Amino acid sequence: MRRWLHQLPNLISSLRILLVAPIALCLTDHRLVATLCLFGVAAFSDAADGFLARRFGWQTELGGALDPIADKLMLATVFVVLAVQRHVPVWLSVAVIARDVVVVLGAISYRTWIGPVTASPSVISKLNTLCQIMLILAVISELQFAWPPAWAVLALGAMVLALAVLSGIDYVLVYGRRAAVNAA
């Protein structure tokens, strides 16, 4: 197989990063159908790059950094815009972003004082990301099409809050244990 194909997941992650600005601009301009389309492509690309990397063994150190950066940048940007526009509560956006800040600062600290960080998102972390994506799609869809019903969006918001807290605690505990073992 051609050598360049090994970089395909990295290219997809990079393209997801490039989609952040157009998504934010469309959302800011209230072009909701375009926002849904672009965000949907970005969400699909998140699944695609991970699948390709795992399925064909195309994981790289660069990809291990690009994928979570793309996810955090995309989700944080959209949560901030939605909060500024008062479509999601500010406290929910703060909780989502605070969780990511804790994870990133923890990874930097671990890398600095302990050693290399192996990117291995837990099931709860993956579920957290999925629910954030679903909430964003639901909020924008509700604004544009009056669907799904408000109670479904509220339930998704509650799930996002619970999973953000739980996955944040999970990361702290997992990497805290790893640091303790490596320090011993």
N, C-alpha and C. Protein backbone atom coordinates (compact mmCIF):
# COMPACT_ATOMS: atom_id res chain seq x y z
N MET A 1 0.84 -1.18 0.00
CA MET A 1 0.00 0.00 0.00
C MET A 1 0.89 1.24 0.00
N ARG A 2 0.43 2.27 -0.62
CA ARG A 2 1.24 3.49 -0.72
C ARG A 2 1.50 4.10 0.66
N ARG A 3 2.72 4.60 0.79
CA ARG A 3 3.16 5.17 2.07
C ARG A 3 2.30 6.36 2.52
N TRP A 4 1.82 7.18 1.58
CA TRP A 4 1.06 8.37 1.95
C TRP A 4 -0.26 8.01 2.62
N LEU A 5 -0.78 6.82 2.35
CA LEU A 5 -2.04 6.43 2.98
C LEU A 5 -1.92 6.36 4.50
N HIS A 6 -0.71 6.09 5.01
CA HIS A 6 -0.51 6.02 6.45
C HIS A 6 -0.79 7.37 7.12
N GLN A 7 -0.70 8.44 6.32
CA GLN A 7 -0.93 9.78 6.85
C GLN A 7 -2.38 10.25 6.67
N LEU A 8 -3.22 9.41 6.08
CA LEU A 8 -4.61 9.79 5.83
C LEU A 8 -5.36 10.18 7.12
N PRO A 9 -5.25 9.43 8.21
CA PRO A 9 -5.93 9.87 9.44
C PRO A 9 -5.45 11.25 9.91
N ASN A 10 -4.15 11.53 9.77
CA ASN A 10 -3.62 12.84 10.16
C ASN A 10 -4.19 13.94 9.27
N LEU A 11 -4.32 13.65 7.99
CA LEU A 11 -4.89 14.62 7.05
C LEU A 11 -6.35 14.90 7.42
N ILE A 12 -7.09 13.86 7.75
CA ILE A 12 -8.50 14.03 8.13
C ILE A 12 -8.60 14.88 9.40
N SER A 13 -7.75 14.61 10.39
CA SER A 13 -7.75 15.42 11.63
C SER A 13 -7.41 16.87 11.32
N SER A 14 -6.45 17.08 10.44
CA SER A 14 -6.05 18.44 10.06
C SER A 14 -7.20 19.17 9.37
N LEU A 15 -7.91 18.46 8.51
CA LEU A 15 -9.06 19.07 7.84
C LEU A 15 -10.15 19.43 8.84
N ARG A 16 -10.32 18.60 9.88
CA ARG A 16 -11.30 18.90 10.94
C ARG A 16 -10.92 20.19 11.66
N ILE A 17 -9.63 20.39 11.88
CA ILE A 17 -9.17 21.64 12.50
C ILE A 17 -9.51 22.82 11.59
N LEU A 18 -9.31 22.64 10.28
CA LEU A 18 -9.61 23.71 9.33
C LEU A 18 -11.11 24.01 9.23
N LEU A 19 -11.95 23.06 9.60
CA LEU A 19 -13.40 23.28 9.57
C LEU A 19 -13.90 24.10 10.75
N VAL A 20 -13.09 24.26 11.79
CA VAL A 20 -13.53 24.96 12.99
C VAL A 20 -13.98 26.39 12.67
N ALA A 21 -13.17 27.13 11.94
CA ALA A 21 -13.52 28.52 11.63
C ALA A 21 -14.80 28.62 10.78
N PRO A 22 -14.93 27.85 9.69
CA PRO A 22 -16.18 27.94 8.93
C PRO A 22 -17.42 27.54 9.74
N ILE A 23 -17.27 26.55 10.61
CA ILE A 23 -18.40 26.16 11.46
C ILE A 23 -18.79 27.32 12.37
N ALA A 24 -17.80 27.93 13.01
CA ALA A 24 -18.07 29.04 13.93
C ALA A 24 -18.68 30.22 13.18
N LEU A 25 -18.17 30.51 11.98
CA LEU A 25 -18.71 31.63 11.20
C LEU A 25 -20.15 31.37 10.78
N CYS A 26 -20.43 30.17 10.31
CA CYS A 26 -21.80 29.84 9.91
C CYS A 26 -22.75 29.92 11.10
N LEU A 27 -22.31 29.42 12.24
CA LEU A 27 -23.15 29.46 13.44
C LEU A 27 -23.37 30.90 13.89
N THR A 28 -22.33 31.71 13.85
CA THR A 28 -22.42 33.12 14.23
C THR A 28 -23.36 33.89 13.30
N ASP A 29 -23.32 33.53 12.02
CA ASP A 29 -24.18 34.19 11.03
C ASP A 29 -25.58 33.57 10.97
N HIS A 30 -25.87 32.63 11.85
CA HIS A 30 -27.17 31.95 11.91
C HIS A 30 -27.50 31.20 10.63
N ARG A 31 -26.47 30.71 9.96
CA ARG A 31 -26.68 29.84 8.80
C ARG A 31 -26.66 28.41 9.34
N LEU A 32 -27.79 28.01 9.87
CA LEU A 32 -27.85 26.78 10.67
C LEU A 32 -27.77 25.51 9.83
N VAL A 33 -28.34 25.51 8.65
CA VAL A 33 -28.25 24.32 7.80
C VAL A 33 -26.79 24.10 7.40
N ALA A 34 -26.10 25.16 7.03
CA ALA A 34 -24.68 25.05 6.68
C ALA A 34 -23.88 24.59 7.91
N THR A 35 -24.22 25.14 9.07
CA THR A 35 -23.55 24.72 10.31
C THR A 35 -23.76 23.24 10.56
N LEU A 36 -24.99 22.78 10.43
CA LEU A 36 -25.28 21.35 10.62
C LEU A 36 -24.48 20.50 9.65
N CYS A 37 -24.42 20.91 8.40
CA CYS A 37 -23.68 20.13 7.40
C CYS A 37 -22.19 20.08 7.73
N LEU A 38 -21.61 21.24 7.99
CA LEU A 38 -20.17 21.28 8.29
C LEU A 38 -19.84 20.54 9.58
N PHE A 39 -20.66 20.75 10.60
CA PHE A 39 -20.42 20.08 11.87
C PHE A 39 -20.61 18.57 11.71
N GLY A 40 -21.60 18.17 10.92
CA GLY A 40 -21.80 16.75 10.64
C GLY A 40 -20.61 16.11 9.95
N VAL A 41 -20.04 16.83 8.97
CA VAL A 41 -18.84 16.34 8.29
C VAL A 41 -17.69 16.22 9.29
N ALA A 42 -17.53 17.23 10.13
CA ALA A 42 -16.46 17.20 11.14
C ALA A 42 -16.66 16.04 12.11
N ALA A 43 -17.89 15.82 12.55
CA ALA A 43 -18.17 14.72 13.48
C ALA A 43 -17.89 13.37 12.82
N PHE A 44 -18.32 13.23 11.56
CA PHE A 44 -18.06 11.99 10.83
C PHE A 44 -16.56 11.78 10.66
N SER A 45 -15.83 12.85 10.39
CA SER A 45 -14.39 12.73 10.19
C SER A 45 -13.69 12.28 11.46
N ASP A 46 -14.25 12.65 12.61
CA ASP A 46 -13.68 12.22 13.89
C ASP A 46 -13.74 10.69 13.99
N ALA A 47 -14.86 10.13 13.61
CA ALA A 47 -15.00 8.68 13.63
C ALA A 47 -14.13 8.03 12.55
N ALA A 48 -14.08 8.66 11.38
CA ALA A 48 -13.34 8.08 10.24
C ALA A 48 -11.85 8.01 10.50
N ASP A 49 -11.26 9.08 11.02
CA ASP A 49 -9.81 9.05 11.22
C ASP A 49 -9.41 8.02 12.27
N GLY A 50 -10.20 7.92 13.32
CA GLY A 50 -9.92 6.91 14.34
C GLY A 50 -10.06 5.49 13.81
N PHE A 51 -11.12 5.26 13.02
CA PHE A 51 -11.32 3.94 12.44
C PHE A 51 -10.16 3.56 11.53
N LEU A 52 -9.78 4.47 10.64
CA LEU A 52 -8.69 4.17 9.70
C LEU A 52 -7.38 3.90 10.44
N ALA A 53 -7.10 4.71 11.43
CA ALA A 53 -5.84 4.54 12.17
C ALA A 53 -5.80 3.19 12.87
N ARG A 54 -6.90 2.81 13.51
CA ARG A 54 -6.93 1.51 14.22
C ARG A 54 -7.00 0.34 13.25
N ARG A 55 -7.86 0.43 12.26
CA ARG A 55 -8.10 -0.68 11.34
C ARG A 55 -6.85 -1.06 10.54
N PHE A 56 -6.11 -0.06 10.10
CA PHE A 56 -4.96 -0.34 9.25
C PHE A 56 -3.62 -0.13 9.94
N GLY A 57 -3.66 0.13 11.24
CA GLY A 57 -2.42 0.33 11.98
C GLY A 57 -1.68 1.59 11.57
N TRP A 58 -2.44 2.62 11.22
CA TRP A 58 -1.84 3.87 10.77
C TRP A 58 -1.70 4.89 11.90
N GLN A 59 -1.64 4.42 13.13
CA GLN A 59 -1.49 5.35 14.25
C GLN A 59 -0.09 5.97 14.22
N THR A 60 -0.04 7.26 14.49
CA THR A 60 1.23 7.96 14.56
C THR A 60 1.22 8.84 15.80
N GLU A 61 2.41 9.26 16.21
CA GLU A 61 2.50 10.18 17.35
C GLU A 61 1.80 11.49 17.01
N LEU A 62 1.98 11.95 15.77
CA LEU A 62 1.32 13.17 15.34
C LEU A 62 -0.21 13.02 15.42
N GLY A 63 -0.71 11.90 14.95
CA GLY A 63 -2.14 11.64 15.01
C GLY A 63 -2.67 11.57 16.43
N GLY A 64 -1.85 11.02 17.33
CA GLY A 64 -2.23 10.96 18.74
C GLY A 64 -2.42 12.33 19.35
N ALA A 65 -1.74 13.34 18.78
CA ALA A 65 -1.91 14.72 19.26
C ALA A 65 -2.98 15.46 18.45
N LEU A 66 -2.96 15.27 17.11
CA LEU A 66 -3.89 16.02 16.25
C LEU A 66 -5.35 15.70 16.54
N ASP A 67 -5.68 14.45 16.71
CA ASP A 67 -7.08 14.05 16.88
C ASP A 67 -7.71 14.70 18.11
N PRO A 68 -7.11 14.59 19.30
CA PRO A 68 -7.74 15.24 20.44
C PRO A 68 -7.73 16.77 20.35
N ILE A 69 -6.69 17.33 19.72
CA ILE A 69 -6.66 18.79 19.53
C ILE A 69 -7.83 19.21 18.64
N ALA A 70 -8.03 18.48 17.56
CA ALA A 70 -9.14 18.79 16.65
C ALA A 70 -10.48 18.68 17.37
N ASP A 71 -10.66 17.62 18.15
CA ASP A 71 -11.92 17.44 18.89
C ASP A 71 -12.16 18.58 19.87
N LYS A 72 -11.16 18.86 20.68
CA LYS A 72 -11.32 19.88 21.71
C LYS A 72 -11.53 21.26 21.10
N LEU A 73 -10.80 21.57 20.06
CA LEU A 73 -10.94 22.87 19.39
C LEU A 73 -12.34 23.02 18.79
N MET A 74 -12.79 21.98 18.10
CA MET A 74 -14.10 22.04 17.45
C MET A 74 -15.21 22.14 18.49
N LEU A 75 -15.21 21.27 19.48
CA LEU A 75 -16.29 21.25 20.46
C LEU A 75 -16.28 22.50 21.33
N ALA A 76 -15.11 22.92 21.80
CA ALA A 76 -15.03 24.11 22.65
C ALA A 76 -15.51 25.35 21.89
N THR A 77 -15.10 25.48 20.64
CA THR A 77 -15.50 26.64 19.84
C THR A 77 -17.01 26.70 19.69
N VAL A 78 -17.61 25.57 19.36
CA VAL A 78 -19.06 25.55 19.15
C VAL A 78 -19.80 25.78 20.47
N PHE A 79 -19.32 25.20 21.56
CA PHE A 79 -19.96 25.43 22.86
C PHE A 79 -19.88 26.91 23.25
N VAL A 80 -18.74 27.56 22.99
CA VAL A 80 -18.60 28.98 23.32
C VAL A 80 -19.59 29.80 22.49
N VAL A 81 -19.65 29.55 21.18
CA VAL A 81 -20.57 30.31 20.33
C VAL A 81 -22.01 30.08 20.77
N LEU A 82 -22.38 28.84 21.03
CA LEU A 82 -23.75 28.56 21.47
C LEU A 82 -24.06 29.21 22.82
N ALA A 83 -23.08 29.28 23.71
CA ALA A 83 -23.28 29.92 25.01
C ALA A 83 -23.43 31.43 24.85
N VAL A 84 -22.59 32.03 24.01
CA VAL A 84 -22.68 33.48 23.76
C VAL A 84 -24.05 33.82 23.17
N GLN A 85 -24.54 32.95 22.30
CA GLN A 85 -25.85 33.18 21.68
C GLN A 85 -27.00 32.75 22.60
N ARG A 86 -26.68 32.25 23.77
CA ARG A 86 -27.66 31.82 24.78
C ARG A 86 -28.52 30.64 24.33
N HIS A 87 -27.90 29.75 23.54
CA HIS A 87 -28.61 28.53 23.12
C HIS A 87 -28.26 27.35 24.01
N VAL A 88 -27.15 27.45 24.73
CA VAL A 88 -26.83 26.49 25.79
C VAL A 88 -26.41 27.32 27.00
N PRO A 89 -26.63 26.77 28.19
CA PRO A 89 -26.24 27.53 29.39
C PRO A 89 -24.72 27.74 29.45
N VAL A 90 -24.33 28.92 29.90
CA VAL A 90 -22.91 29.23 30.04
C VAL A 90 -22.23 28.22 30.96
N TRP A 91 -22.91 27.85 32.05
CA TRP A 91 -22.30 26.92 33.00
C TRP A 91 -22.02 25.56 32.37
N LEU A 92 -22.84 25.15 31.40
CA LEU A 92 -22.59 23.87 30.72
C LEU A 92 -21.34 23.98 29.85
N SER A 93 -21.23 25.08 29.12
CA SER A 93 -20.03 25.29 28.31
C SER A 93 -18.79 25.37 29.19
N VAL A 94 -18.90 26.04 30.33
CA VAL A 94 -17.77 26.13 31.26
C VAL A 94 -17.39 24.74 31.76
N ALA A 95 -18.37 23.91 32.08
CA ALA A 95 -18.09 22.55 32.57
C ALA A 95 -17.38 21.72 31.50
N VAL A 96 -17.85 21.80 30.25
CA VAL A 96 -17.25 21.05 29.16
C VAL A 96 -15.80 21.50 28.92
N ILE A 97 -15.62 22.81 28.88
CA ILE A 97 -14.27 23.35 28.61
C ILE A 97 -13.36 23.13 29.81
N ALA A 98 -13.88 23.27 31.02
CA ALA A 98 -13.05 23.05 32.22
C ALA A 98 -12.56 21.61 32.26
N ARG A 99 -13.39 20.67 31.89
CA ARG A 99 -12.97 19.27 31.84
C ARG A 99 -11.82 19.09 30.87
N ASP A 100 -11.93 19.71 29.69
CA ASP A 100 -10.86 19.61 28.71
C ASP A 100 -9.58 20.28 29.19
N VAL A 101 -9.71 21.41 29.87
CA VAL A 101 -8.53 22.09 30.42
C VAL A 101 -7.84 21.21 31.45
N VAL A 102 -8.62 20.56 32.31
CA VAL A 102 -8.05 19.65 33.31
C VAL A 102 -7.31 18.51 32.62
N VAL A 103 -7.91 17.93 31.60
CA VAL A 103 -7.28 16.82 30.88
C VAL A 103 -5.99 17.27 30.20
N VAL A 104 -6.04 18.41 29.51
CA VAL A 104 -4.85 18.90 28.80
C VAL A 104 -3.74 19.28 29.79
N LEU A 105 -4.07 20.01 30.84
CA LEU A 105 -3.06 20.37 31.84
C LEU A 105 -2.49 19.13 32.52
N GLY A 106 -3.35 18.16 32.77
CA GLY A 106 -2.88 16.90 33.35
C GLY A 106 -1.91 16.18 32.42
N ALA A 107 -2.23 16.16 31.13
CA ALA A 107 -1.35 15.50 30.16
C ALA A 107 -0.01 16.22 30.06
N ILE A 108 -0.05 17.55 30.06
CA ILE A 108 1.19 18.32 30.00
C ILE A 108 2.03 18.07 31.25
N SER A 109 1.38 18.08 32.41
CA SER A 109 2.10 17.83 33.67
C SER A 109 2.69 16.43 33.68
N TYR A 110 1.91 15.46 33.26
CA TYR A 110 2.38 14.07 33.22
C TYR A 110 3.59 13.95 32.30
N ARG A 111 3.48 14.54 31.12
CA ARG A 111 4.58 14.50 30.14
C ARG A 111 5.83 15.18 30.69
N THR A 112 5.65 16.28 31.39
CA THR A 112 6.77 17.04 31.92
C THR A 112 7.49 16.29 33.04
N TRP A 113 6.73 15.74 33.98
CA TRP A 113 7.34 15.17 35.18
C TRP A 113 7.45 13.65 35.21
N ILE A 114 6.65 12.97 34.41
CA ILE A 114 6.65 11.51 34.46
C ILE A 114 7.23 10.90 33.19
N GLY A 115 6.67 11.27 32.04
CA GLY A 115 7.12 10.69 30.78
C GLY A 115 6.04 10.76 29.73
N PRO A 116 6.25 10.03 28.65
CA PRO A 116 5.30 10.09 27.52
C PRO A 116 3.87 9.72 27.94
N VAL A 117 2.94 10.41 27.34
CA VAL A 117 1.52 10.16 27.58
C VAL A 117 1.01 9.29 26.44
N THR A 118 0.45 8.16 26.79
CA THR A 118 -0.16 7.31 25.76
C THR A 118 -1.62 7.69 25.64
N ALA A 119 -2.01 8.13 24.44
CA ALA A 119 -3.39 8.54 24.21
C ALA A 119 -4.28 7.31 24.12
N SER A 120 -5.03 7.09 25.17
CA SER A 120 -5.96 5.96 25.17
C SER A 120 -7.25 6.40 25.86
N PRO A 121 -8.13 7.06 25.09
CA PRO A 121 -9.37 7.54 25.69
C PRO A 121 -10.22 6.38 26.21
N SER A 122 -10.79 6.59 27.38
CA SER A 122 -11.63 5.57 27.99
C SER A 122 -12.99 5.54 27.30
N VAL A 123 -13.75 4.52 27.62
CA VAL A 123 -15.10 4.41 27.07
C VAL A 123 -15.94 5.61 27.50
N ILE A 124 -15.80 6.00 28.77
CA ILE A 124 -16.59 7.14 29.27
C ILE A 124 -16.20 8.43 28.56
N SER A 125 -14.92 8.57 28.21
CA SER A 125 -14.47 9.75 27.48
C SER A 125 -15.04 9.76 26.06
N LYS A 126 -15.04 8.61 25.42
CA LYS A 126 -15.62 8.52 24.07
C LYS A 126 -17.13 8.80 24.10
N LEU A 127 -17.80 8.29 25.13
CA LEU A 127 -19.23 8.54 25.29
C LEU A 127 -19.48 10.03 25.54
N ASN A 128 -18.59 10.65 26.31
CA ASN A 128 -18.68 12.09 26.57
C ASN A 128 -18.61 12.87 25.26
N THR A 129 -17.63 12.55 24.43
CA THR A 129 -17.48 13.24 23.14
C THR A 129 -18.71 13.01 22.26
N LEU A 130 -19.19 11.78 22.21
CA LEU A 130 -20.37 11.46 21.40
C LEU A 130 -21.58 12.26 21.88
N CYS A 131 -21.79 12.33 23.18
CA CYS A 131 -22.93 13.08 23.70
C CYS A 131 -22.80 14.58 23.45
N GLN A 132 -21.58 15.10 23.52
CA GLN A 132 -21.38 16.52 23.19
C GLN A 132 -21.74 16.78 21.73
N ILE A 133 -21.30 15.90 20.85
CA ILE A 133 -21.63 16.04 19.42
C ILE A 133 -23.14 15.96 19.22
N MET A 134 -23.77 14.99 19.87
CA MET A 134 -25.22 14.83 19.73
C MET A 134 -25.96 16.06 20.27
N LEU A 135 -25.49 16.61 21.39
CA LEU A 135 -26.14 17.80 21.96
C LEU A 135 -26.02 18.98 20.99
N ILE A 136 -24.84 19.19 20.47
CA ILE A 136 -24.65 20.31 19.53
C ILE A 136 -25.56 20.14 18.31
N LEU A 137 -25.59 18.94 17.75
CA LEU A 137 -26.47 18.70 16.60
C LEU A 137 -27.93 18.92 16.98
N ALA A 138 -28.31 18.47 18.17
CA ALA A 138 -29.71 18.63 18.61
C ALA A 138 -30.06 20.10 18.82
N VAL A 139 -29.18 20.86 19.45
CA VAL A 139 -29.45 22.28 19.69
C VAL A 139 -29.62 23.03 18.37
N ILE A 140 -28.71 22.80 17.45
CA ILE A 140 -28.78 23.51 16.16
C ILE A 140 -29.99 23.05 15.37
N SER A 141 -30.27 21.75 15.41
CA SER A 141 -31.45 21.22 14.71
C SER A 141 -32.74 21.77 15.32
N GLU A 142 -32.78 21.87 16.63
CA GLU A 142 -33.97 22.44 17.28
C GLU A 142 -34.18 23.90 16.85
N LEU A 143 -33.08 24.64 16.77
CA LEU A 143 -33.18 26.04 16.34
C LEU A 143 -33.70 26.16 14.91
N GLN A 144 -33.23 25.29 14.03
CA GLN A 144 -33.58 25.38 12.62
C GLN A 144 -34.92 24.71 12.31
N PHE A 145 -35.14 23.52 12.87
CA PHE A 145 -36.29 22.72 12.46
C PHE A 145 -37.32 22.49 13.56
N ALA A 146 -37.08 23.06 14.76
CA ALA A 146 -37.95 22.83 15.93
C ALA A 146 -38.04 21.34 16.26
N TRP A 147 -36.97 20.63 16.03
CA TRP A 147 -36.86 19.21 16.35
C TRP A 147 -35.42 18.91 16.69
N PRO A 148 -35.11 18.13 17.66
CA PRO A 148 -35.95 17.33 18.54
C PRO A 148 -36.65 18.20 19.58
N PRO A 149 -37.56 17.59 20.33
CA PRO A 149 -38.28 18.35 21.34
C PRO A 149 -37.33 18.86 22.44
N ALA A 150 -37.75 19.91 23.10
CA ALA A 150 -36.92 20.56 24.12
C ALA A 150 -36.51 19.59 25.23
N TRP A 151 -37.40 18.66 25.60
CA TRP A 151 -37.05 17.73 26.68
C TRP A 151 -35.88 16.83 26.28
N ALA A 152 -35.79 16.48 24.98
CA ALA A 152 -34.68 15.63 24.51
C ALA A 152 -33.36 16.41 24.56
N VAL A 153 -33.41 17.68 24.19
CA VAL A 153 -32.21 18.52 24.25
C VAL A 153 -31.78 18.69 25.70
N LEU A 154 -32.74 18.89 26.59
CA LEU A 154 -32.44 19.03 28.01
C LEU A 154 -31.81 17.74 28.56
N ALA A 155 -32.35 16.61 28.17
CA ALA A 155 -31.79 15.32 28.63
C ALA A 155 -30.36 15.14 28.11
N LEU A 156 -30.12 15.49 26.87
CA LEU A 156 -28.76 15.41 26.33
C LEU A 156 -27.82 16.35 27.08
N GLY A 157 -28.30 17.54 27.40
CA GLY A 157 -27.49 18.48 28.17
C GLY A 157 -27.12 17.92 29.54
N ALA A 158 -28.08 17.27 30.19
CA ALA A 158 -27.81 16.65 31.49
C ALA A 158 -26.79 15.53 31.35
N MET A 159 -26.90 14.75 30.29
CA MET A 159 -25.93 13.67 30.05
C MET A 159 -24.54 14.24 29.81
N VAL A 160 -24.46 15.33 29.04
CA VAL A 160 -23.16 15.95 28.76
C VAL A 160 -22.53 16.43 30.06
N LEU A 161 -23.31 17.07 30.91
CA LEU A 161 -22.77 17.55 32.18
C LEU A 161 -22.27 16.38 33.03
N ALA A 162 -23.08 15.36 33.18
CA ALA A 162 -22.69 14.20 34.00
C ALA A 162 -21.44 13.52 33.43
N LEU A 163 -21.41 13.32 32.13
CA LEU A 163 -20.26 12.65 31.51
C LEU A 163 -19.00 13.51 31.53
N ALA A 164 -19.16 14.82 31.41
CA ALA A 164 -17.99 15.70 31.49
C ALA A 164 -17.36 15.58 32.87
N VAL A 165 -18.18 15.60 33.89
CA VAL A 165 -17.67 15.49 35.26
C VAL A 165 -17.06 14.10 35.49
N LEU A 166 -17.79 13.06 35.13
CA LEU A 166 -17.30 11.70 35.35
C LEU A 166 -16.03 11.39 34.56
N SER A 167 -15.99 11.80 33.30
CA SER A 167 -14.79 11.50 32.51
C SER A 167 -13.60 12.33 32.97
N GLY A 168 -13.86 13.54 33.44
CA GLY A 168 -12.78 14.35 34.00
C GLY A 168 -12.19 13.70 35.24
N ILE A 169 -13.06 13.23 36.12
CA ILE A 169 -12.60 12.52 37.33
C ILE A 169 -11.87 11.25 36.94
N ASP A 170 -12.38 10.54 35.94
CA ASP A 170 -11.75 9.30 35.49
C ASP A 170 -10.33 9.56 35.01
N TYR A 171 -10.13 10.60 34.20
CA TYR A 171 -8.78 10.93 33.72
C TYR A 171 -7.85 11.25 34.90
N VAL A 172 -8.33 12.05 35.83
CA VAL A 172 -7.50 12.41 36.98
C VAL A 172 -7.10 11.16 37.77
N LEU A 173 -8.05 10.26 37.99
CA LEU A 173 -7.75 9.03 38.75
C LEU A 173 -6.79 8.11 37.99
N VAL A 174 -7.05 7.89 36.72
CA VAL A 174 -6.21 6.99 35.92
C VAL A 174 -4.78 7.50 35.85
N TYR A 175 -4.63 8.78 35.48
CA TYR A 175 -3.27 9.31 35.35
C TYR A 175 -2.62 9.57 36.69
N GLY A 176 -3.42 9.80 37.71
CA GLY A 176 -2.87 9.91 39.06
C GLY A 176 -2.27 8.58 39.51
N ARG A 177 -2.98 7.48 39.23
CA ARG A 177 -2.46 6.14 39.57
C ARG A 177 -1.21 5.83 38.76
N ARG A 178 -1.23 6.15 37.46
CA ARG A 178 -0.04 5.90 36.63
C ARG A 178 1.16 6.70 37.15
N ALA A 179 0.93 7.94 37.54
CA ALA A 179 2.02 8.77 38.06
C ALA A 179 2.56 8.18 39.36
N ALA A 180 1.66 7.71 40.22
CA ALA A 180 2.09 7.12 41.49
C ALA A 180 2.92 5.85 41.26
N VAL A 181 2.50 5.03 40.30
CA VAL A 181 3.23 3.80 40.00
C VAL A 181 4.60 4.13 39.40
N ASN A 182 4.64 5.10 38.48
CA ASN A 182 5.91 5.47 37.85
C ASN A 182 6.87 6.19 38.79
N ALA A 183 6.31 6.87 39.78
CA ALA A 183 7.14 7.60 40.74
C ALA A 183 7.73 6.65 41.78
N ALA A 184 7.08 5.50 41.96
CA ALA A 184 7.55 4.55 42.99
C ALA A 184 8.76 3.77 42.57
